[in-house]
Amino acid sequence: MHLHTLELEGDELSASATQSVLRHFHDAGFVAISGLYTPQQIERLDRAFQKALEQHIQTHGGLEQLNKKTFGKNHIGFFPPLVAPFANVEFVAHPLLIPLLEKLLGPDFICCFYHTNTAYPGSELQPVHRDHPPIFGSALPIPHPPTHIVLNVPLCDFNEENGSTEVWPGTHLIVDSSEEEAAQLESRAAAMPSVRMNVPLGSAVLRDLRTWHRGMPNRSPHPRPMLAIVYQRACTHAEPMAIPKATWESWPERVRQIFRRNRIE
């Protein structure tokens, strides 16, 4: 979906546009909205991102050492500092996304996880996986409402050459009847249709963490970076992050409410 095609009422999506976005999310387990961020916003973020990523790689002994701990070769993740521009309101609590998250997770949802994923050139295929299983396992034989949603913000155009994520629509609704089935996603996914998360710079993607997906090989000469910010229902467990006091004081009250479970340092 492109923001320009969605009806706005003031600074929010209209009721019909909201219903359309939510219907797609509930059906597929994810939804992409292009045109949400300006090129200038992404450019500022990308400059800071590249510096933080380079520092992360250097302090951990280079890519070779990092690959001993990564989930798939040349798939690098790190926790960026929660300072500007990473902590800017448009990224941590975009005013068009907050009403959607409130309807999906409840008005008191929280955020305690801010990470990144970068597929470096030469990255290899990740195993098919979920980022979070159904919270009741197989004890509840029907799918429950969303409990954890990740916001992915690409910092470049995502395409099949640079390793756009592969996703299996509708798999957030699958409840595994046994641990054996949950461990056989690779063979099960091979028999099911998938799509690639091909989206332009400036997009935002919301994905239910139960949805099957995997990182793909980056065959381009450039890294493919993105943010990964997880929002969740207030009733679920969360490990707190450290938020600088200056950042906390710069945020409006609604953003503080979302990040209230974290440590202010």
C-alpha atoms as a PDB file:
ATOM      1  CA  MET A   1       0.000   0.000   0.000  1.00  0.00           C
ATOM      2  CA  HIS A   2       1.225   3.504  -0.785  1.00  0.00           C
ATOM      3  CA  LEU A   3       0.510   6.306   1.635  1.00  0.00           C
ATOM      4  CA  HIS A   4      -0.632   8.535  -1.232  1.00  0.00           C
ATOM      5  CA  THR A   5      -3.451   6.074  -2.029  1.00  0.00           C
ATOM      6  CA  LEU A   6      -4.700   5.934   1.579  1.00  0.00           C
ATOM      7  CA  GLU A   7      -7.258   8.487   2.682  1.00  0.00           C
ATOM      8  CA  LEU A   8      -6.135  10.783   5.503  1.00  0.00           C
ATOM      9  CA  GLU A   9      -8.210  12.713   8.007  1.00  0.00           C
ATOM     10  CA  GLY A  10      -5.908  15.355   9.416  1.00  0.00           C
ATOM     11  CA  ASP A  11      -2.743  13.617  10.631  1.00  0.00           C
ATOM     12  CA  GLU A  12      -4.327  10.152  10.832  1.00  0.00           C
ATOM     13  CA  LEU A  13      -5.596   7.510   8.434  1.00  0.00           C
ATOM     14  CA  SER A  14      -9.308   7.667   7.788  1.00  0.00           C
ATOM     15  CA  ALA A  15     -11.546   4.972   9.248  1.00  0.00           C
ATOM     16  CA  SER A  16     -11.851   3.227   5.864  1.00  0.00           C
ATOM     17  CA  ALA A  17      -8.082   3.396   5.235  1.00  0.00           C
ATOM     18  CA  THR A  18      -7.394   2.024   8.718  1.00  0.00           C
ATOM     19  CA  GLN A  19      -9.837  -0.830   8.114  1.00  0.00           C
ATOM     20  CA  SER A  20      -8.135  -1.643   4.802  1.00  0.00           C
ATOM     21  CA  VAL A  21      -4.632  -1.712   6.336  1.00  0.00           C
ATOM     22  CA  LEU A  22      -5.772  -3.811   9.303  1.00  0.00           C
ATOM     23  CA  ARG A  23      -7.637  -6.266   7.076  1.00  0.00           C
ATOM     24  CA  HIS A  24      -4.482  -6.858   5.038  1.00  0.00           C
ATOM     25  CA  PHE A  25      -2.435  -7.330   8.210  1.00  0.00           C
ATOM     26  CA  HIS A  26      -4.895  -9.810   9.718  1.00  0.00           C
ATOM     27  CA  ASP A  27      -5.109 -11.782   6.462  1.00  0.00           C
ATOM     28  CA  ALA A  28      -1.405 -11.908   5.581  1.00  0.00           C
ATOM     29  CA  GLY A  29       0.367 -11.401   8.914  1.00  0.00           C
ATOM     30  CA  PHE A  30       2.129  -8.300   7.612  1.00  0.00           C
ATOM     31  CA  VAL A  31       1.486  -5.072   5.736  1.00  0.00           C
ATOM     32  CA  ALA A  32       3.804  -2.612   3.975  1.00  0.00           C
ATOM     33  CA  ILE A  33       3.106   1.112   3.661  1.00  0.00           C
ATOM     34  CA  SER A  34       5.360   2.957   1.239  1.00  0.00           C
ATOM     35  CA  GLY A  35       5.964   6.715   1.290  1.00  0.00           C
ATOM     36  CA  LEU A  36       5.753   6.966   5.080  1.00  0.00           C
ATOM     37  CA  TYR A  37       9.225   8.517   5.525  1.00  0.00           C
ATOM     38  CA  THR A  38      10.849  11.288   3.521  1.00  0.00           C
ATOM     39  CA  PRO A  39      14.182  10.708   1.764  1.00  0.00           C
ATOM     40  CA  GLN A  40      15.721  13.306   4.101  1.00  0.00           C
ATOM     41  CA  GLN A  41      14.580  11.416   7.220  1.00  0.00           C
ATOM     42  CA  ILE A  42      16.033   8.148   5.923  1.00  0.00           C
ATOM     43  CA  GLU A  43      19.263   9.813   4.753  1.00  0.00           C
ATOM     44  CA  ARG A  44      19.938  11.259   8.229  1.00  0.00           C
ATOM     45  CA  LEU A  45      19.163   7.938   9.851  1.00  0.00           C
ATOM     46  CA  ASP A  46      21.294   5.979   7.398  1.00  0.00           C
ATOM     47  CA  ARG A  47      24.364   8.169   8.030  1.00  0.00           C
ATOM     48  CA  ALA A  48      24.102   7.521  11.769  1.00  0.00           C
ATOM     49  CA  PHE A  49      23.329   3.851  11.156  1.00  0.00           C
ATOM     50  CA  GLN A  50      26.430   3.273   9.027  1.00  0.00           C
ATOM     51  CA  LYS A  51      28.673   4.809  11.707  1.00  0.00           C
ATOM     52  CA  ALA A  52      27.088   2.705  14.461  1.00  0.00           C
ATOM     53  CA  LEU A  53      27.260  -0.465  12.356  1.00  0.00           C
ATOM     54  CA  GLU A  54      30.935   0.083  11.500  1.00  0.00           C
ATOM     55  CA  GLN A  55      31.739   0.637  15.168  1.00  0.00           C
ATOM     56  CA  HIS A  56      29.824  -2.514  16.135  1.00  0.00           C
ATOM     57  CA  ILE A  57      31.736  -4.627  13.604  1.00  0.00           C
ATOM     58  CA  GLN A  58      35.116  -3.207  14.645  1.00  0.00           C
ATOM     59  CA  THR A  59      34.534  -3.687  18.378  1.00  0.00           C
ATOM     60  CA  HIS A  60      33.572  -7.332  17.779  1.00  0.00           C
ATOM     61  CA  GLY A  61      36.635  -8.241  15.727  1.00  0.00           C
ATOM     62  CA  GLY A  62      35.232  -7.846  12.227  1.00  0.00           C
ATOM     63  CA  LEU A  63      32.698  -9.781  10.170  1.00  0.00           C
ATOM     64  CA  GLU A  64      34.567 -13.059  10.535  1.00  0.00           C
ATOM     65  CA  GLN A  65      34.271 -12.983  14.328  1.00  0.00           C
ATOM     66  CA  LEU A  66      30.676 -11.762  14.236  1.00  0.00           C
ATOM     67  CA  ASN A  67      29.667 -14.585  11.916  1.00  0.00           C
ATOM     68  CA  LYS A  68      30.439 -17.063  14.686  1.00  0.00           C
ATOM     69  CA  LYS A  69      27.457 -15.637  16.565  1.00  0.00           C
ATOM     70  CA  THR A  70      25.054 -14.608  13.799  1.00  0.00           C
ATOM     71  CA  PHE A  71      21.895 -16.311  12.563  1.00  0.00           C
ATOM     72  CA  GLY A  72      23.113 -16.967   9.022  1.00  0.00           C
ATOM     73  CA  LYS A  73      26.379 -15.845   7.435  1.00  0.00           C
ATOM     74  CA  ASN A  74      26.754 -12.064   6.980  1.00  0.00           C
ATOM     75  CA  HIS A  75      23.399 -11.311   8.625  1.00  0.00           C
ATOM     76  CA  ILE A  76      24.466  -8.713  11.203  1.00  0.00           C
ATOM     77  CA  GLY A  77      22.272  -7.336  13.980  1.00  0.00           C
ATOM     78  CA  PHE A  78      23.053  -4.802  16.688  1.00  0.00           C
ATOM     79  CA  PHE A  79      21.262  -2.570  19.187  1.00  0.00           C
ATOM     80  CA  PRO A  80      21.649   1.076  18.141  1.00  0.00           C
ATOM     81  CA  PRO A  81      21.962   3.819  20.771  1.00  0.00           C
ATOM     82  CA  LEU A  82      18.601   5.349  21.656  1.00  0.00           C
ATOM     83  CA  VAL A  83      19.630   8.864  20.707  1.00  0.00           C
ATOM     84  CA  ALA A  84      18.757  11.048  17.719  1.00  0.00           C
ATOM     85  CA  PRO A  85      18.114  10.186  14.961  1.00  0.00           C
ATOM     86  CA  PHE A  86      17.411   6.581  16.074  1.00  0.00           C
ATOM     87  CA  ALA A  87      15.124   7.836  18.846  1.00  0.00           C
ATOM     88  CA  ASN A  88      13.283  10.402  16.720  1.00  0.00           C
ATOM     89  CA  VAL A  89       9.528  10.182  17.171  1.00  0.00           C
ATOM     90  CA  GLU A  90       8.910   9.353  13.501  1.00  0.00           C
ATOM     91  CA  PHE A  91      10.819   6.104  13.966  1.00  0.00           C
ATOM     92  CA  VAL A  92       9.913   5.029  17.514  1.00  0.00           C
ATOM     93  CA  ALA A  93       6.260   6.141  17.432  1.00  0.00           C
ATOM     94  CA  HIS A  94       5.138   7.335  14.016  1.00  0.00           C
ATOM     95  CA  PRO A  95       1.803   9.167  14.402  1.00  0.00           C
ATOM     96  CA  LEU A  96       0.215   7.223  11.533  1.00  0.00           C
ATOM     97  CA  LEU A  97       1.327   3.838  12.897  1.00  0.00           C
ATOM     98  CA  ILE A  98       0.390   4.318  16.570  1.00  0.00           C
ATOM     99  CA  PRO A  99      -3.403   4.128  15.978  1.00  0.00           C
ATOM    100  CA  LEU A 100      -2.876   0.915  13.975  1.00  0.00           C
ATOM    101  CA  LEU A 101      -0.778  -0.610  16.760  1.00  0.00           C
ATOM    102  CA  GLU A 102      -3.363   0.419  19.339  1.00  0.00           C
ATOM    103  CA  LYS A 103      -6.050  -1.492  17.451  1.00  0.00           C
ATOM    104  CA  LEU A 104      -3.790  -4.521  16.998  1.00  0.00           C
ATOM    105  CA  LEU A 105      -2.181  -4.675  20.459  1.00  0.00           C
ATOM    106  CA  GLY A 106      -4.443  -2.617  22.705  1.00  0.00           C
ATOM    107  CA  PRO A 107      -4.090   1.039  23.726  1.00  0.00           C
ATOM    108  CA  ASP A 108      -1.554   0.275  26.469  1.00  0.00           C
ATOM    109  CA  PHE A 109       0.972  -1.566  24.246  1.00  0.00           C
ATOM    110  CA  ILE A 110       4.686  -1.247  25.014  1.00  0.00           C
ATOM    111  CA  CYS A 111       8.079  -1.288  23.302  1.00  0.00           C
ATOM    112  CA  CYS A 112      11.180  -2.826  24.890  1.00  0.00           C
ATOM    113  CA  PHE A 113      13.145  -3.980  21.828  1.00  0.00           C
ATOM    114  CA  TYR A 114      14.954  -1.833  19.248  1.00  0.00           C
ATOM    115  CA  HIS A 115      17.303  -3.767  16.987  1.00  0.00           C
ATOM    116  CA  THR A 116      18.665  -3.777  13.438  1.00  0.00           C
ATOM    117  CA  ASN A 117      19.223  -6.337  10.670  1.00  0.00           C
ATOM    118  CA  THR A 118      21.792  -5.884   7.919  1.00  0.00           C
ATOM    119  CA  ALA A 119      22.407  -8.380   5.131  1.00  0.00           C
ATOM    120  CA  TYR A 120      25.981  -7.843   3.992  1.00  0.00           C
ATOM    121  CA  PRO A 121      27.112  -8.776   0.462  1.00  0.00           C
ATOM    122  CA  GLY A 122      27.661 -12.515   0.444  1.00  0.00           C
ATOM    123  CA  SER A 123      24.980 -13.157   3.043  1.00  0.00           C
ATOM    124  CA  GLU A 124      23.523 -16.651   2.908  1.00  0.00           C
ATOM    125  CA  LEU A 125      20.055 -18.124   3.223  1.00  0.00           C
ATOM    126  CA  GLN A 126      18.648 -18.178   6.748  1.00  0.00           C
ATOM    127  CA  PRO A 127      16.482 -21.090   7.918  1.00  0.00           C
ATOM    128  CA  VAL A 128      12.737 -20.499   7.815  1.00  0.00           C
ATOM    129  CA  HIS A 129      11.691 -19.358  11.278  1.00  0.00           C
ATOM    130  CA  ARG A 130       9.284 -17.449  13.473  1.00  0.00           C
ATOM    131  CA  ASP A 131      10.543 -14.621  15.667  1.00  0.00           C
ATOM    132  CA  HIS A 132       7.988 -15.546  18.322  1.00  0.00           C
ATOM    133  CA  PRO A 133       5.804 -18.660  18.651  1.00  0.00           C
ATOM    134  CA  PRO A 134       2.110 -18.645  19.613  1.00  0.00           C
ATOM    135  CA  ILE A 135       2.155 -17.711  23.305  1.00  0.00           C
ATOM    136  CA  PHE A 136       0.100 -20.780  24.283  1.00  0.00           C
ATOM    137  CA  GLY A 137       2.020 -23.198  22.049  1.00  0.00           C
ATOM    138  CA  SER A 138      -0.310 -25.964  20.913  1.00  0.00           C
ATOM    139  CA  ALA A 139      -2.436 -25.790  24.094  1.00  0.00           C
ATOM    140  CA  LEU A 140      -4.819 -23.403  22.320  1.00  0.00           C
ATOM    141  CA  PRO A 141      -5.865 -25.047  19.015  1.00  0.00           C
ATOM    142  CA  ILE A 142      -6.934 -21.744  17.405  1.00  0.00           C
ATOM    143  CA  PRO A 143      -4.812 -18.672  16.616  1.00  0.00           C
ATOM    144  CA  HIS A 144      -4.850 -15.903  19.201  1.00  0.00           C
ATOM    145  CA  PRO A 145      -4.839 -12.146  18.436  1.00  0.00           C
ATOM    146  CA  PRO A 146      -1.464 -10.490  17.727  1.00  0.00           C
ATOM    147  CA  THR A 147       0.793 -10.128  20.762  1.00  0.00           C
ATOM    148  CA  HIS A 148       4.120  -9.040  19.197  1.00  0.00           C
ATOM    149  CA  ILE A 149       4.554  -6.909  16.060  1.00  0.00           C
ATOM    150  CA  VAL A 150       7.822  -5.788  14.508  1.00  0.00           C
ATOM    151  CA  LEU A 151       8.203  -2.533  12.618  1.00  0.00           C
ATOM    152  CA  ASN A 152      10.812  -2.903   9.889  1.00  0.00           C
ATOM    153  CA  VAL A 153      12.165   0.325   8.375  1.00  0.00           C
ATOM    154  CA  PRO A 154      14.352  -0.339   5.296  1.00  0.00           C
ATOM    155  CA  LEU A 155      17.216   2.115   4.845  1.00  0.00           C
ATOM    156  CA  CYS A 156      17.487   1.380   1.123  1.00  0.00           C
ATOM    157  CA  ASP A 157      15.290  -0.044  -1.622  1.00  0.00           C
ATOM    158  CA  PHE A 158      14.638  -3.713  -0.828  1.00  0.00           C
ATOM    159  CA  ASN A 159      14.732  -6.045  -3.819  1.00  0.00           C
ATOM    160  CA  GLU A 160      15.599  -9.626  -4.607  1.00  0.00           C
ATOM    161  CA  GLU A 161      19.165  -8.752  -5.598  1.00  0.00           C
ATOM    162  CA  ASN A 162      20.063  -7.291  -2.192  1.00  0.00           C
ATOM    163  CA  GLY A 163      18.248  -9.892  -0.120  1.00  0.00           C
ATOM    164  CA  SER A 164      14.688  -8.741   0.558  1.00  0.00           C
ATOM    165  CA  THR A 165      13.109 -10.907   3.251  1.00  0.00           C
ATOM    166  CA  GLU A 166      11.046 -13.914   2.166  1.00  0.00           C
ATOM    167  CA  VAL A 167       7.694 -14.170   3.965  1.00  0.00           C
ATOM    168  CA  TRP A 168       4.908 -16.781   4.022  1.00  0.00           C
ATOM    169  CA  PRO A 169       1.534 -14.971   4.118  1.00  0.00           C
ATOM    170  CA  GLY A 170      -1.039 -16.305   6.538  1.00  0.00           C
ATOM    171  CA  THR A 171       1.354 -18.442   8.561  1.00  0.00           C
ATOM    172  CA  HIS A 172       0.766 -16.316  11.670  1.00  0.00           C
ATOM    173  CA  LEU A 173      -2.563 -18.168  11.901  1.00  0.00           C
ATOM    174  CA  ILE A 174      -0.997 -21.637  11.944  1.00  0.00           C
ATOM    175  CA  VAL A 175      -1.050 -23.346  15.331  1.00  0.00           C
ATOM    176  CA  ASP A 176       1.410 -26.244  15.483  1.00  0.00           C
ATOM    177  CA  SER A 177      -0.018 -29.353  17.087  1.00  0.00           C
ATOM    178  CA  SER A 178       3.371 -30.601  18.265  1.00  0.00           C
ATOM    179  CA  GLU A 179       6.961 -29.501  18.838  1.00  0.00           C
ATOM    180  CA  GLU A 180       7.970 -31.738  15.922  1.00  0.00           C
ATOM    181  CA  GLU A 181       5.785 -29.778  13.520  1.00  0.00           C
ATOM    182  CA  ALA A 182       7.136 -26.490  14.819  1.00  0.00           C
ATOM    183  CA  ALA A 183      10.663 -27.733  14.100  1.00  0.00           C
ATOM    184  CA  GLN A 184       9.832 -28.683  10.493  1.00  0.00           C
ATOM    185  CA  LEU A 185       9.166 -25.247   9.057  1.00  0.00           C
ATOM    186  CA  GLU A 186      11.734 -25.686   6.276  1.00  0.00           C
ATOM    187  CA  SER A 187       9.990 -28.654   4.662  1.00  0.00           C
ATOM    188  CA  ARG A 188       6.516 -27.283   5.348  1.00  0.00           C
ATOM    189  CA  ALA A 189       7.367 -23.900   3.840  1.00  0.00           C
ATOM    190  CA  ALA A 190       8.673 -25.552   0.661  1.00  0.00           C
ATOM    191  CA  ALA A 191       5.127 -26.663  -0.109  1.00  0.00           C
ATOM    192  CA  MET A 192       3.572 -23.234   0.497  1.00  0.00           C
ATOM    193  CA  PRO A 193       3.561 -19.953  -1.488  1.00  0.00           C
ATOM    194  CA  SER A 194       5.797 -17.122  -0.311  1.00  0.00           C
ATOM    195  CA  VAL A 195       6.473 -13.507  -1.274  1.00  0.00           C
ATOM    196  CA  ARG A 196       9.512 -11.268  -1.112  1.00  0.00           C
ATOM    197  CA  MET A 197       9.423  -8.048   0.905  1.00  0.00           C
ATOM    198  CA  ASN A 198      10.313  -5.871  -2.087  1.00  0.00           C
ATOM    199  CA  VAL A 199       9.630  -2.319  -0.885  1.00  0.00           C
ATOM    200  CA  PRO A 200      11.108   1.073  -1.742  1.00  0.00           C
ATOM    201  CA  LEU A 201      13.092   3.318   0.598  1.00  0.00           C
ATOM    202  CA  GLY A 202      10.699   5.302   2.766  1.00  0.00           C
ATOM    203  CA  SER A 203       8.505   2.297   3.542  1.00  0.00           C
ATOM    204  CA  ALA A 204       7.401   0.791   6.831  1.00  0.00           C
ATOM    205  CA  VAL A 205       6.494  -2.875   7.252  1.00  0.00           C
ATOM    206  CA  LEU A 206       4.470  -4.198  10.201  1.00  0.00           C
ATOM    207  CA  ARG A 207       4.745  -7.975  10.698  1.00  0.00           C
ATOM    208  CA  ASP A 208       3.240 -10.356  13.239  1.00  0.00           C
ATOM    209  CA  LEU A 209       6.218 -12.137  14.838  1.00  0.00           C
ATOM    210  CA  ARG A 210       4.506 -15.514  14.362  1.00  0.00           C
ATOM    211  CA  THR A 211       4.745 -15.181  10.569  1.00  0.00           C
ATOM    212  CA  TRP A 212       7.220 -17.555   8.889  1.00  0.00           C
ATOM    213  CA  HIS A 213      10.080 -15.757   7.143  1.00  0.00           C
ATOM    214  CA  ARG A 214      13.809 -15.859   6.411  1.00  0.00           C
ATOM    215  CA  GLY A 215      16.667 -13.592   5.441  1.00  0.00           C
ATOM    216  CA  MET A 216      17.858 -14.070   1.858  1.00  0.00           C
ATOM    217  CA  PRO A 217      21.261 -13.871   0.126  1.00  0.00           C
ATOM    218  CA  ASN A 218      22.494 -10.379  -0.714  1.00  0.00           C
ATOM    219  CA  ARG A 219      24.020 -10.610  -4.203  1.00  0.00           C
ATOM    220  CA  SER A 220      24.515  -6.862  -4.558  1.00  0.00           C
ATOM    221  CA  PRO A 221      27.789  -5.025  -3.749  1.00  0.00           C
ATOM    222  CA  HIS A 222      26.127  -2.996  -0.971  1.00  0.00           C
ATOM    223  CA  PRO A 223      24.776  -3.827   2.530  1.00  0.00           C
ATOM    224  CA  ARG A 224      20.990  -4.058   2.935  1.00  0.00           C
ATOM    225  CA  PRO A 225      20.132  -2.463   6.339  1.00  0.00           C
ATOM    226  CA  MET A 226      16.864  -2.057   8.233  1.00  0.00           C
ATOM    227  CA  LEU A 227      15.515  -1.217  11.687  1.00  0.00           C
ATOM    228  CA  ALA A 228      13.568  -3.805  13.681  1.00  0.00           C
ATOM    229  CA  ILE A 229      11.444  -2.290  16.467  1.00  0.00           C
ATOM    230  CA  VAL A 230       9.126  -4.657  18.363  1.00  0.00           C
ATOM    231  CA  TYR A 231       5.851  -3.571  19.969  1.00  0.00           C
ATOM    232  CA  GLN A 232       3.886  -5.928  22.201  1.00  0.00           C
ATOM    233  CA  ARG A 233       0.843  -6.267  24.411  1.00  0.00           C
ATOM    234  CA  ALA A 234       1.347  -4.887  27.892  1.00  0.00           C
ATOM    235  CA  CYS A 235       0.402  -8.260  29.435  1.00  0.00           C
ATOM    236  CA  THR A 236       3.429 -10.027  27.869  1.00  0.00           C
ATOM    237  CA  HIS A 237       6.936 -10.296  29.313  1.00  0.00           C
ATOM    238  CA  ALA A 238       9.593  -7.817  28.198  1.00  0.00           C
ATOM    239  CA  GLU A 239      13.255  -7.286  29.064  1.00  0.00           C
ATOM    240  CA  PRO A 240      13.891  -3.553  29.587  1.00  0.00           C
ATOM    241  CA  MET A 241      16.232  -1.460  27.479  1.00  0.00           C
ATOM    242  CA  ALA A 242      18.393   1.436  28.680  1.00  0.00           C
ATOM    243  CA  ILE A 243      17.088   4.821  27.531  1.00  0.00           C
ATOM    244  CA  PRO A 244      19.227   7.938  28.027  1.00  0.00           C
ATOM    245  CA  LYS A 245      17.575  10.510  30.262  1.00  0.00           C
ATOM    246  CA  ALA A 246      18.006  13.222  27.620  1.00  0.00           C
ATOM    247  CA  THR A 247      16.121  11.086  25.097  1.00  0.00           C
ATOM    248  CA  TRP A 248      13.343  10.346  27.599  1.00  0.00           C
ATOM    249  CA  GLU A 249      12.920  14.036  28.393  1.00  0.00           C
ATOM    250  CA  SER A 250      12.750  14.927  24.696  1.00  0.00           C
ATOM    251  CA  TRP A 251       9.849  12.549  24.031  1.00  0.00           C
ATOM    252  CA  PRO A 252       6.183  13.584  24.289  1.00  0.00           C
ATOM    253  CA  GLU A 253       4.023  11.825  26.865  1.00  0.00           C
ATOM    254  CA  ARG A 254       2.522   9.291  24.415  1.00  0.00           C
ATOM    255  CA  VAL A 255       5.977   8.027  23.442  1.00  0.00           C
ATOM    256  CA  ARG A 256       7.015   7.770  27.099  1.00  0.00           C
ATOM    257  CA  GLN A 257       3.902   5.708  27.747  1.00  0.00           C
ATOM    258  CA  ILE A 258       4.911   3.238  25.042  1.00  0.00           C
ATOM    259  CA  PHE A 259       8.468   2.960  26.425  1.00  0.00           C
ATOM    260  CA  ARG A 260       7.486   3.051  30.119  1.00  0.00           C
ATOM    261  CA  ARG A 261       8.781  -0.460  30.913  1.00  0.00           C
ATOM    262  CA  ASN A 262      12.413   0.497  30.227  1.00  0.00           C
ATOM    263  CA  ARG A 263      15.248   1.875  32.397  1.00  0.00           C
ATOM    264  CA  ILE A 264      15.979   5.600  32.267  1.00  0.00           C
ATOM    265  CA  GLU A 265      19.721   6.185  32.644  1.00  0.00           C
END
